Amino acid sequence: MNVKKFLSILSLSILLAVQQASACPFCYGAKDGKSAENMSVAIWFLFAAIMTVLGGVGAFSYSIYRHSRTPLTPDQKLIQEDLAKYD
């Protein structure tokens, strides 16, 4: 019996709290006001910042890939030669 009473009180309190938890008009998509314009600028700025960082990571990865494909110079070939046969 206590469980039914608890669940009914819980559901009633949730239903009454829904109106208090409603979002502001901006969250519903209001297009007027400075807050919508400022939010749009902030979103584009963050998008540009993220794309700049991702572009840097991509450029660095490409640079490493391109550097790894260059042929070795003669002195580097000597360094990487197997010296076990001279022991």
N, C-alpha and C. Protein backbone atom coordinates (compact mmCIF):
# COMPACT_ATOMS: atom_id res chain seq x y z
N MET A 1 0.82 -1.19 0.00
CA MET A 1 0.00 0.00 0.00
C MET A 1 0.86 1.26 0.00
N ASN A 2 1.97 1.23 0.72
CA ASN A 2 2.84 2.39 0.78
C ASN A 2 3.51 2.67 -0.56
N VAL A 3 3.79 1.61 -1.32
CA VAL A 3 4.43 1.78 -2.61
C VAL A 3 3.50 2.51 -3.58
N LYS A 4 2.21 2.16 -3.57
CA LYS A 4 1.24 2.84 -4.44
C LYS A 4 1.10 4.31 -4.06
N LYS A 5 1.10 4.57 -2.78
CA LYS A 5 0.98 5.95 -2.32
C LYS A 5 2.23 6.75 -2.71
N PHE A 6 3.39 6.13 -2.57
CA PHE A 6 4.63 6.79 -2.93
C PHE A 6 4.68 7.09 -4.43
N LEU A 7 4.30 6.11 -5.25
CA LEU A 7 4.31 6.30 -6.69
C LEU A 7 3.31 7.36 -7.14
N SER A 8 2.15 7.41 -6.51
CA SER A 8 1.17 8.43 -6.87
C SER A 8 1.65 9.82 -6.49
N ILE A 9 2.27 9.95 -5.33
CA ILE A 9 2.81 11.26 -4.92
C ILE A 9 3.97 11.67 -5.84
N LEU A 10 4.80 10.70 -6.21
CA LEU A 10 5.92 10.98 -7.09
C LEU A 10 5.43 11.42 -8.47
N SER A 11 4.48 10.73 -9.03
CA SER A 11 3.95 11.09 -10.35
C SER A 11 3.25 12.44 -10.32
N LEU A 12 2.53 12.74 -9.25
CA LEU A 12 1.86 14.03 -9.11
C LEU A 12 2.88 15.16 -9.01
N SER A 13 3.93 14.95 -8.26
CA SER A 13 4.96 15.99 -8.11
C SER A 13 5.70 16.20 -9.43
N ILE A 14 5.91 15.14 -10.19
CA ILE A 14 6.57 15.29 -11.49
C ILE A 14 5.67 16.07 -12.44
N LEU A 15 4.38 15.77 -12.44
CA LEU A 15 3.46 16.49 -13.32
C LEU A 15 3.37 17.97 -12.94
N LEU A 16 3.42 18.28 -11.67
CA LEU A 16 3.34 19.68 -11.26
C LEU A 16 4.66 20.42 -11.51
N ALA A 17 5.76 19.71 -11.50
CA ALA A 17 7.07 20.35 -11.71
C ALA A 17 7.37 20.56 -13.19
N VAL A 18 6.61 19.98 -14.08
CA VAL A 18 6.89 20.10 -15.51
C VAL A 18 6.75 21.56 -15.95
N GLN A 19 5.77 22.24 -15.46
CA GLN A 19 5.57 23.62 -15.87
C GLN A 19 6.73 24.50 -15.37
N GLN A 20 7.25 24.22 -14.19
CA GLN A 20 8.36 25.01 -13.68
C GLN A 20 9.65 24.71 -14.44
N ALA A 21 9.76 23.53 -14.99
CA ALA A 21 10.99 23.13 -15.70
C ALA A 21 10.94 23.45 -17.18
N SER A 22 9.90 24.18 -17.65
CA SER A 22 9.83 24.49 -19.07
C SER A 22 10.99 25.38 -19.48
N ALA A 23 11.39 25.22 -20.71
CA ALA A 23 12.53 25.98 -21.22
C ALA A 23 12.12 27.41 -21.53
N CYS A 24 13.12 28.26 -21.64
CA CYS A 24 12.88 29.65 -21.97
C CYS A 24 12.48 29.77 -23.44
N PRO A 25 11.96 30.89 -23.88
CA PRO A 25 11.56 31.04 -25.29
C PRO A 25 12.72 30.87 -26.26
N PHE A 26 13.95 31.20 -25.83
CA PHE A 26 15.10 31.03 -26.72
C PHE A 26 15.31 29.55 -27.05
N CYS A 27 15.09 28.68 -26.06
CA CYS A 27 15.28 27.24 -26.30
C CYS A 27 14.21 26.69 -27.23
N TYR A 28 13.07 27.34 -27.28
CA TYR A 28 12.02 26.89 -28.19
C TYR A 28 12.23 27.40 -29.61
N GLY A 29 13.23 28.24 -29.83
CA GLY A 29 13.53 28.70 -31.17
C GLY A 29 13.10 30.12 -31.46
N ALA A 30 12.99 30.97 -30.45
CA ALA A 30 12.64 32.36 -30.69
C ALA A 30 13.76 33.03 -31.47
N LYS A 31 13.40 33.73 -32.55
CA LYS A 31 14.41 34.30 -33.43
C LYS A 31 14.67 35.77 -33.13
N ASP A 32 13.88 36.38 -32.29
CA ASP A 32 14.07 37.80 -32.01
C ASP A 32 14.98 37.98 -30.80
N GLY A 33 15.58 39.14 -30.72
CA GLY A 33 16.41 39.45 -29.57
C GLY A 33 17.89 39.28 -29.85
N LYS A 34 18.68 39.93 -29.03
CA LYS A 34 20.13 39.89 -29.17
C LYS A 34 20.71 38.56 -28.73
N SER A 35 20.03 37.87 -27.83
CA SER A 35 20.60 36.62 -27.33
C SER A 35 20.72 35.56 -28.43
N ALA A 36 19.76 35.53 -29.34
CA ALA A 36 19.83 34.58 -30.45
C ALA A 36 20.99 34.91 -31.37
N GLU A 37 21.19 36.19 -31.63
CA GLU A 37 22.31 36.60 -32.49
C GLU A 37 23.65 36.30 -31.83
N ASN A 38 23.75 36.60 -30.54
CA ASN A 38 25.00 36.33 -29.82
C ASN A 38 25.29 34.83 -29.75
N MET A 39 24.27 34.05 -29.55
CA MET A 39 24.45 32.60 -29.50
C MET A 39 24.91 32.07 -30.86
N SER A 40 24.39 32.62 -31.92
CA SER A 40 24.79 32.20 -33.26
C SER A 40 26.27 32.52 -33.49
N VAL A 41 26.72 33.70 -33.09
CA VAL A 41 28.13 34.06 -33.24
C VAL A 41 29.01 33.13 -32.40
N ALA A 42 28.58 32.81 -31.20
CA ALA A 42 29.36 31.92 -30.33
C ALA A 42 29.46 30.52 -30.93
N ILE A 43 28.39 30.03 -31.50
CA ILE A 43 28.41 28.70 -32.11
C ILE A 43 29.37 28.67 -33.30
N TRP A 44 29.33 29.69 -34.15
CA TRP A 44 30.23 29.74 -35.29
C TRP A 44 31.69 29.88 -34.85
N PHE A 45 31.93 30.64 -33.79
CA PHE A 45 33.29 30.79 -33.28
C PHE A 45 33.82 29.45 -32.77
N LEU A 46 33.01 28.73 -32.01
CA LEU A 46 33.45 27.43 -31.50
C LEU A 46 33.65 26.42 -32.64
N PHE A 47 32.78 26.49 -33.63
CA PHE A 47 32.94 25.61 -34.80
C PHE A 47 34.26 25.90 -35.50
N ALA A 48 34.59 27.18 -35.69
CA ALA A 48 35.85 27.55 -36.33
C ALA A 48 37.05 27.12 -35.49
N ALA A 49 36.96 27.25 -34.18
CA ALA A 49 38.06 26.84 -33.31
C ALA A 49 38.29 25.34 -33.40
N ILE A 50 37.23 24.56 -33.39
CA ILE A 50 37.36 23.11 -33.49
C ILE A 50 37.94 22.70 -34.84
N MET A 51 37.47 23.34 -35.91
CA MET A 51 37.98 23.00 -37.23
C MET A 51 39.45 23.40 -37.39
N THR A 52 39.87 24.48 -36.74
CA THR A 52 41.27 24.88 -36.79
C THR A 52 42.14 23.84 -36.11
N VAL A 53 41.72 23.37 -34.96
CA VAL A 53 42.49 22.35 -34.24
C VAL A 53 42.54 21.05 -35.04
N LEU A 54 41.41 20.63 -35.59
CA LEU A 54 41.40 19.41 -36.40
C LEU A 54 42.24 19.56 -37.66
N GLY A 55 42.22 20.74 -38.26
CA GLY A 55 43.06 20.99 -39.42
C GLY A 55 44.54 20.91 -39.07
N GLY A 56 44.91 21.42 -37.91
CA GLY A 56 46.30 21.33 -37.46
C GLY A 56 46.74 19.89 -37.24
N VAL A 57 45.87 19.10 -36.64
CA VAL A 57 46.18 17.68 -36.42
C VAL A 57 46.33 16.97 -37.76
N GLY A 58 45.45 17.28 -38.71
CA GLY A 58 45.54 16.66 -40.03
C GLY A 58 46.80 17.08 -40.77
N ALA A 59 47.16 18.36 -40.70
CA ALA A 59 48.37 18.84 -41.37
C ALA A 59 49.61 18.21 -40.75
N PHE A 60 49.63 18.08 -39.44
CA PHE A 60 50.77 17.45 -38.77
C PHE A 60 50.88 15.98 -39.16
N SER A 61 49.76 15.29 -39.21
CA SER A 61 49.77 13.87 -39.61
C SER A 61 50.26 13.72 -41.04
N TYR A 62 49.81 14.60 -41.94
CA TYR A 62 50.26 14.54 -43.32
C TYR A 62 51.75 14.83 -43.42
N SER A 63 52.22 15.76 -42.62
CA SER A 63 53.64 16.10 -42.60
C SER A 63 54.48 14.90 -42.15
N ILE A 64 54.04 14.22 -41.13
CA ILE A 64 54.75 13.02 -40.66
C ILE A 64 54.73 11.93 -41.73
N TYR A 65 53.58 11.74 -42.36
CA TYR A 65 53.47 10.73 -43.42
C TYR A 65 54.41 11.06 -44.57
N ARG A 66 54.43 12.32 -45.00
CA ARG A 66 55.28 12.72 -46.11
C ARG A 66 56.75 12.58 -45.77
N HIS A 67 57.11 12.93 -44.54
CA HIS A 67 58.50 12.81 -44.11
C HIS A 67 58.94 11.34 -44.03
N SER A 68 58.02 10.47 -43.66
CA SER A 68 58.38 9.05 -43.55
C SER A 68 58.59 8.41 -44.91
N ARG A 69 58.08 9.01 -45.98
CA ARG A 69 58.19 8.45 -47.32
C ARG A 69 59.47 8.89 -48.05
N THR A 70 60.24 9.81 -47.47
CA THR A 70 61.46 10.28 -48.14
C THR A 70 62.54 9.20 -48.04
N PRO A 71 63.35 9.07 -49.07
CA PRO A 71 64.41 8.04 -49.02
C PRO A 71 65.49 8.43 -48.02
N LEU A 72 66.18 7.44 -47.51
CA LEU A 72 67.24 7.67 -46.53
C LEU A 72 68.51 8.18 -47.22
N THR A 73 69.22 9.04 -46.53
CA THR A 73 70.52 9.50 -47.04
C THR A 73 71.55 8.40 -46.76
N PRO A 74 72.70 8.44 -47.46
CA PRO A 74 73.70 7.37 -47.27
C PRO A 74 74.17 7.23 -45.82
N ASP A 75 74.33 8.33 -45.11
CA ASP A 75 74.78 8.20 -43.72
C ASP A 75 73.71 7.58 -42.83
N GLN A 76 72.44 7.81 -43.13
CA GLN A 76 71.38 7.17 -42.35
C GLN A 76 71.30 5.68 -42.67
N LYS A 77 71.64 5.30 -43.89
CA LYS A 77 71.65 3.89 -44.25
C LYS A 77 72.73 3.14 -43.47
N LEU A 78 73.86 3.78 -43.25
CA LEU A 78 74.93 3.15 -42.48
C LEU A 78 74.52 2.97 -41.02
N ILE A 79 73.77 3.94 -40.50
CA ILE A 79 73.35 3.85 -39.10
C ILE A 79 72.38 2.69 -38.91
N GLN A 80 71.52 2.47 -39.90
CA GLN A 80 70.50 1.43 -39.77
C GLN A 80 70.99 0.07 -40.26
N GLU A 81 72.25 -0.04 -40.68
CA GLU A 81 72.77 -1.30 -41.17
C GLU A 81 72.94 -2.28 -40.01
N ASP A 82 72.77 -3.55 -40.28
CA ASP A 82 72.93 -4.58 -39.26
C ASP A 82 74.42 -4.77 -39.00
N LEU A 83 74.87 -4.39 -37.83
CA LEU A 83 76.28 -4.47 -37.48
C LEU A 83 76.66 -5.79 -36.80
N ALA A 84 75.72 -6.69 -36.68
CA ALA A 84 75.99 -7.97 -36.01
C ALA A 84 77.00 -8.81 -36.80
N LYS A 85 77.04 -8.64 -38.11
CA LYS A 85 77.95 -9.45 -38.92
C LYS A 85 79.42 -9.04 -38.74
N TYR A 86 79.66 -7.86 -38.16
CA TYR A 86 81.04 -7.40 -37.95
C TYR A 86 81.58 -7.81 -36.59
N ASP A 87 80.79 -8.39 -35.74
CA ASP A 87 81.26 -8.79 -34.40
C ASP A 87 82.08 -10.04 -34.44
